[in-house]
Amino acid sequence: MSLTLRKRRVTEMPVTWMGRVKTRAVNTGQRVAPMADQAKLAATHRIEDARSWAAPRLISAAHGIEDQVAPKVSSMLTNAARKIQPTPVRTRRWPVLVLMTGLAVGAIGYMAYRRNAQQWTEHMKDSASDASRWVNEKAERVTGSTERIAPSDKVDETSRKMS
């Protein structure tokens, strides 16, 4: 037995073409794995360096945009919004005012009509009583004058009918 503790590698030769390709890929992967680990570490370090270099520059650029570009962009957007904003719809209050005025005038007219109708009714009652008194007086005068002219039965009968 040798003093070196090497693992004995027993390799079997695959029979198929795919088997051979697979065996070579596994062997290559075992040889490349340490180099890939080193490349990963190097890339991680470089990415960290790039991030530490870029961060302050991005912050200063952000402040510069905030101070210089943002107000201009903001005013531009505000102007554009004012240009495309539709005109506000004004409510028209005059139709409501006309309607209310018309209702008030109508109510006043109705009240005046009712008052005038009441006065007219009272006046007509007075007129009717005056007219009936006038007719009675006229009938009495006629009766009196007919009695004076020709007192006959027909006249008496007529005057009685009228009274």
C-alpha atoms as a PDB file:
ATOM      1  CA  MET A   1       0.000   0.000   0.000  1.00  0.00           C
ATOM      2  CA  SER A   2       1.236   3.455  -0.803  1.00  0.00           C
ATOM      3  CA  LEU A   3       1.541   6.264   1.621  1.00  0.00           C
ATOM      4  CA  THR A   4      -0.435   8.614  -0.549  1.00  0.00           C
ATOM      5  CA  LEU A   5      -4.081   8.448   0.112  1.00  0.00           C
ATOM      6  CA  ARG A   6      -5.401   8.901  -3.282  1.00  0.00           C
ATOM      7  CA  LYS A   7      -8.798   7.813  -4.090  1.00  0.00           C
ATOM      8  CA  ARG A   8      -8.878   5.288  -6.702  1.00  0.00           C
ATOM      9  CA  ARG A   9     -10.993   6.248  -9.501  1.00  0.00           C
ATOM     10  CA  VAL A  10     -12.727   3.519 -11.179  1.00  0.00           C
ATOM     11  CA  THR A  11     -14.315   4.725 -14.326  1.00  0.00           C
ATOM     12  CA  GLU A  12     -16.625   2.802 -16.385  1.00  0.00           C
ATOM     13  CA  MET A  13     -16.808   3.537 -20.024  1.00  0.00           C
ATOM     14  CA  PRO A  14     -20.346   4.188 -21.140  1.00  0.00           C
ATOM     15  CA  VAL A  15     -21.618   2.329 -24.123  1.00  0.00           C
ATOM     16  CA  THR A  16     -23.882   4.973 -25.662  1.00  0.00           C
ATOM     17  CA  TRP A  17     -22.936   8.288 -27.124  1.00  0.00           C
ATOM     18  CA  MET A  18     -25.213  10.215 -24.673  1.00  0.00           C
ATOM     19  CA  GLY A  19     -23.642   8.430 -21.776  1.00  0.00           C
ATOM     20  CA  ARG A  20     -20.171   9.501 -22.942  1.00  0.00           C
ATOM     21  CA  VAL A  21     -21.281  13.146 -23.292  1.00  0.00           C
ATOM     22  CA  LYS A  22     -22.790  13.061 -19.834  1.00  0.00           C
ATOM     23  CA  THR A  23     -19.640  11.646 -18.301  1.00  0.00           C
ATOM     24  CA  ARG A  24     -17.460  14.318 -19.917  1.00  0.00           C
ATOM     25  CA  ALA A  25     -19.847  17.089 -18.777  1.00  0.00           C
ATOM     26  CA  VAL A  26     -19.710  15.862 -15.186  1.00  0.00           C
ATOM     27  CA  ASN A  27     -15.899  15.686 -15.273  1.00  0.00           C
ATOM     28  CA  THR A  28     -15.654  19.181 -16.755  1.00  0.00           C
ATOM     29  CA  GLY A  29     -18.110  20.547 -14.176  1.00  0.00           C
ATOM     30  CA  GLN A  30     -15.954  19.138 -11.360  1.00  0.00           C
ATOM     31  CA  ARG A  31     -12.857  20.811 -12.773  1.00  0.00           C
ATOM     32  CA  VAL A  32     -14.582  24.175 -13.426  1.00  0.00           C
ATOM     33  CA  ALA A  33     -16.439  24.461 -10.087  1.00  0.00           C
ATOM     34  CA  PRO A  34     -13.544  26.071  -8.151  1.00  0.00           C
ATOM     35  CA  MET A  35     -12.965  28.624 -10.899  1.00  0.00           C
ATOM     36  CA  ALA A  36     -16.694  29.500 -10.927  1.00  0.00           C
ATOM     37  CA  ASP A  37     -16.613  30.060  -7.170  1.00  0.00           C
ATOM     38  CA  GLN A  38     -13.675  32.435  -7.537  1.00  0.00           C
ATOM     39  CA  ALA A  39     -15.447  34.297 -10.375  1.00  0.00           C
ATOM     40  CA  LYS A  40     -18.537  34.605  -8.217  1.00  0.00           C
ATOM     41  CA  LEU A  41     -16.553  36.140  -5.377  1.00  0.00           C
ATOM     42  CA  ALA A  42     -14.786  38.544  -7.719  1.00  0.00           C
ATOM     43  CA  ALA A  43     -18.086  39.616  -9.300  1.00  0.00           C
ATOM     44  CA  THR A  44     -19.646  40.145  -5.869  1.00  0.00           C
ATOM     45  CA  HIS A  45     -16.760  42.393  -4.841  1.00  0.00           C
ATOM     46  CA  ARG A  46     -16.910  44.384  -8.073  1.00  0.00           C
ATOM     47  CA  ILE A  47     -20.697  44.824  -7.781  1.00  0.00           C
ATOM     48  CA  GLU A  48     -20.279  46.106  -4.227  1.00  0.00           C
ATOM     49  CA  ASP A  49     -17.597  48.533  -5.402  1.00  0.00           C
ATOM     50  CA  ALA A  50     -19.824  49.754  -8.237  1.00  0.00           C
ATOM     51  CA  ARG A  51     -22.748  50.243  -5.880  1.00  0.00           C
ATOM     52  CA  SER A  52     -20.660  52.205  -3.388  1.00  0.00           C
ATOM     53  CA  TRP A  53     -19.364  54.389  -6.240  1.00  0.00           C
ATOM     54  CA  ALA A  54     -22.800  54.946  -7.862  1.00  0.00           C
ATOM     55  CA  ALA A  55     -24.920  55.601  -4.746  1.00  0.00           C
ATOM     56  CA  PRO A  56     -23.584  59.106  -3.919  1.00  0.00           C
ATOM     57  CA  ARG A  57     -23.723  60.127  -7.575  1.00  0.00           C
ATOM     58  CA  LEU A  58     -27.363  59.017  -7.835  1.00  0.00           C
ATOM     59  CA  ILE A  59     -28.220  60.942  -4.676  1.00  0.00           C
ATOM     60  CA  SER A  60     -26.635  64.138  -6.002  1.00  0.00           C
ATOM     61  CA  ALA A  61     -28.384  63.644  -9.365  1.00  0.00           C
ATOM     62  CA  ALA A  62     -31.718  63.185  -7.562  1.00  0.00           C
ATOM     63  CA  HIS A  63     -31.194  66.425  -5.633  1.00  0.00           C
ATOM     64  CA  GLY A  64     -30.229  68.221  -8.824  1.00  0.00           C
ATOM     65  CA  ILE A  65     -33.376  66.992 -10.575  1.00  0.00           C
ATOM     66  CA  GLU A  66     -35.463  67.951  -7.549  1.00  0.00           C
ATOM     67  CA  ASP A  67     -34.031  71.457  -7.509  1.00  0.00           C
ATOM     68  CA  GLN A  68     -33.776  72.199 -11.230  1.00  0.00           C
ATOM     69  CA  VAL A  69     -35.844  69.872 -13.388  1.00  0.00           C
ATOM     70  CA  ALA A  70     -38.790  69.039 -11.128  1.00  0.00           C
ATOM     71  CA  PRO A  71     -40.108  72.622 -10.839  1.00  0.00           C
ATOM     72  CA  LYS A  72     -39.999  73.004 -14.610  1.00  0.00           C
ATOM     73  CA  VAL A  73     -41.717  69.674 -15.186  1.00  0.00           C
ATOM     74  CA  SER A  74     -44.266  70.498 -12.503  1.00  0.00           C
ATOM     75  CA  SER A  75     -45.108  73.889 -14.039  1.00  0.00           C
ATOM     76  CA  MET A  76     -45.302  72.297 -17.498  1.00  0.00           C
ATOM     77  CA  LEU A  77     -47.742  69.666 -16.238  1.00  0.00           C
ATOM     78  CA  THR A  78     -49.780  72.293 -14.406  1.00  0.00           C
ATOM     79  CA  ASN A  79     -50.054  74.430 -17.554  1.00  0.00           C
ATOM     80  CA  ALA A  80     -51.064  71.409 -19.601  1.00  0.00           C
ATOM     81  CA  ALA A  81     -53.719  70.517 -17.031  1.00  0.00           C
ATOM     82  CA  ARG A  82     -55.120  74.065 -17.136  1.00  0.00           C
ATOM     83  CA  LYS A  83     -55.272  73.972 -20.924  1.00  0.00           C
ATOM     84  CA  ILE A  84     -57.164  70.706 -21.135  1.00  0.00           C
ATOM     85  CA  GLN A  85     -59.413  71.267 -18.129  1.00  0.00           C
ATOM     86  CA  PRO A  86     -63.024  71.810 -19.233  1.00  0.00           C
ATOM     87  CA  THR A  87     -64.695  75.045 -18.259  1.00  0.00           C
ATOM     88  CA  PRO A  88     -66.696  74.668 -15.077  1.00  0.00           C
ATOM     89  CA  VAL A  89     -70.413  74.322 -15.561  1.00  0.00           C
ATOM     90  CA  ARG A  90     -72.162  77.347 -14.171  1.00  0.00           C
ATOM     91  CA  THR A  91     -75.467  76.689 -12.544  1.00  0.00           C
ATOM     92  CA  ARG A  92     -78.185  78.932 -13.819  1.00  0.00           C
ATOM     93  CA  ARG A  93     -80.230  80.284 -10.998  1.00  0.00           C
ATOM     94  CA  TRP A  94     -82.453  82.597 -13.004  1.00  0.00           C
ATOM     95  CA  PRO A  95     -84.940  79.884 -14.090  1.00  0.00           C
ATOM     96  CA  VAL A  96     -85.514  79.038 -10.436  1.00  0.00           C
ATOM     97  CA  LEU A  97     -85.866  82.732  -9.642  1.00  0.00           C
ATOM     98  CA  VAL A  98     -88.382  83.191 -12.476  1.00  0.00           C
ATOM     99  CA  LEU A  99     -90.322  80.141 -11.301  1.00  0.00           C
ATOM    100  CA  MET A 100     -90.461  81.404  -7.717  1.00  0.00           C
ATOM    101  CA  THR A 101     -91.478  84.883  -8.860  1.00  0.00           C
ATOM    102  CA  GLY A 102     -94.208  83.372 -11.050  1.00  0.00           C
ATOM    103  CA  LEU A 103     -95.498  81.316  -8.133  1.00  0.00           C
ATOM    104  CA  ALA A 104     -95.542  84.385  -5.874  1.00  0.00           C
ATOM    105  CA  VAL A 105     -97.372  86.478  -8.483  1.00  0.00           C
ATOM    106  CA  GLY A 106     -99.822  83.622  -9.068  1.00  0.00           C
ATOM    107  CA  ALA A 107    -100.531  83.301  -5.343  1.00  0.00           C
ATOM    108  CA  ILE A 108    -101.077  87.055  -5.029  1.00  0.00           C
ATOM    109  CA  GLY A 109    -103.356  87.006  -8.083  1.00  0.00           C
ATOM    110  CA  TYR A 110    -105.363  84.103  -6.690  1.00  0.00           C
ATOM    111  CA  MET A 111    -105.816  85.886  -3.377  1.00  0.00           C
ATOM    112  CA  ALA A 112    -106.912  89.051  -5.173  1.00  0.00           C
ATOM    113  CA  TYR A 113    -109.321  87.033  -7.317  1.00  0.00           C
ATOM    114  CA  ARG A 114    -110.851  85.391  -4.236  1.00  0.00           C
ATOM    115  CA  ARG A 115    -111.223  88.771  -2.503  1.00  0.00           C
ATOM    116  CA  ASN A 116    -112.770  90.348  -5.579  1.00  0.00           C
ATOM    117  CA  ALA A 117    -115.060  87.350  -6.054  1.00  0.00           C
ATOM    118  CA  GLN A 118    -116.227  87.692  -2.453  1.00  0.00           C
ATOM    119  CA  GLN A 119    -116.810  91.416  -2.869  1.00  0.00           C
ATOM    120  CA  TRP A 120    -118.601  90.814  -6.153  1.00  0.00           C
ATOM    121  CA  THR A 121    -120.828  88.186  -4.515  1.00  0.00           C
ATOM    122  CA  GLU A 122    -121.708  90.559  -1.683  1.00  0.00           C
ATOM    123  CA  HIS A 123    -122.327  93.340  -4.189  1.00  0.00           C
ATOM    124  CA  MET A 124    -124.542  91.073  -6.277  1.00  0.00           C
ATOM    125  CA  LYS A 125    -126.516  90.098  -3.186  1.00  0.00           C
ATOM    126  CA  ASP A 126    -126.988  93.774  -2.393  1.00  0.00           C
ATOM    127  CA  SER A 127    -127.848  94.470  -6.034  1.00  0.00           C
ATOM    128  CA  ALA A 128    -130.280  91.584  -6.137  1.00  0.00           C
ATOM    129  CA  SER A 129    -132.017  92.806  -3.018  1.00  0.00           C
ATOM    130  CA  ASP A 130    -132.018  96.360  -4.441  1.00  0.00           C
ATOM    131  CA  ALA A 131    -133.361  95.037  -7.738  1.00  0.00           C
ATOM    132  CA  SER A 132    -136.100  93.049  -6.024  1.00  0.00           C
ATOM    133  CA  ARG A 133    -137.008  96.128  -3.954  1.00  0.00           C
ATOM    134  CA  TRP A 134    -136.982  98.201  -7.115  1.00  0.00           C
ATOM    135  CA  VAL A 135    -139.223  95.689  -8.888  1.00  0.00           C
ATOM    136  CA  ASN A 136    -141.609  95.649  -5.938  1.00  0.00           C
ATOM    137  CA  GLU A 137    -141.735  99.454  -5.843  1.00  0.00           C
ATOM    138  CA  LYS A 138    -142.269  99.597  -9.574  1.00  0.00           C
ATOM    139  CA  ALA A 139    -145.020  97.030  -9.347  1.00  0.00           C
ATOM    140  CA  GLU A 140    -146.690  98.986  -6.589  1.00  0.00           C
ATOM    141  CA  ARG A 141    -146.451 102.192  -8.598  1.00  0.00           C
ATOM    142  CA  VAL A 142    -147.859 100.516 -11.628  1.00  0.00           C
ATOM    143  CA  THR A 143    -150.593  98.998  -9.571  1.00  0.00           C
ATOM    144  CA  GLY A 144    -151.366 102.358  -8.061  1.00  0.00           C
ATOM    145  CA  SER A 145    -151.385 104.092 -11.408  1.00  0.00           C
ATOM    146  CA  THR A 146    -153.592 101.459 -13.000  1.00  0.00           C
ATOM    147  CA  GLU A 147    -156.059 101.694 -10.193  1.00  0.00           C
ATOM    148  CA  ARG A 148    -156.284 105.370 -10.718  1.00  0.00           C
ATOM    149  CA  ILE A 149    -156.730 105.089 -14.433  1.00  0.00           C
ATOM    150  CA  ALA A 150    -159.154 102.223 -14.772  1.00  0.00           C
ATOM    151  CA  PRO A 151    -160.034 100.212 -11.814  1.00  0.00           C
ATOM    152  CA  SER A 152    -161.128  96.973 -13.287  1.00  0.00           C
ATOM    153  CA  ASP A 153    -161.025  93.375 -12.340  1.00  0.00           C
ATOM    154  CA  LYS A 154    -158.283  92.601 -14.780  1.00  0.00           C
ATOM    155  CA  VAL A 155    -156.029  95.280 -13.384  1.00  0.00           C
ATOM    156  CA  ASP A 156    -156.599  94.076  -9.865  1.00  0.00           C
ATOM    157  CA  GLU A 157    -155.920  90.576 -10.914  1.00  0.00           C
ATOM    158  CA  THR A 158    -152.739  91.588 -12.734  1.00  0.00           C
ATOM    159  CA  SER A 159    -151.499  93.645  -9.842  1.00  0.00           C
ATOM    160  CA  ARG A 160    -152.107  90.789  -7.493  1.00  0.00           C
ATOM    161  CA  LYS A 161    -150.111  88.483  -9.695  1.00  0.00           C
ATOM    162  CA  MET A 162    -147.218  90.890  -9.753  1.00  0.00           C
ATOM    163  CA  SER A 163    -147.033  91.310  -6.039  1.00  0.00           C
END
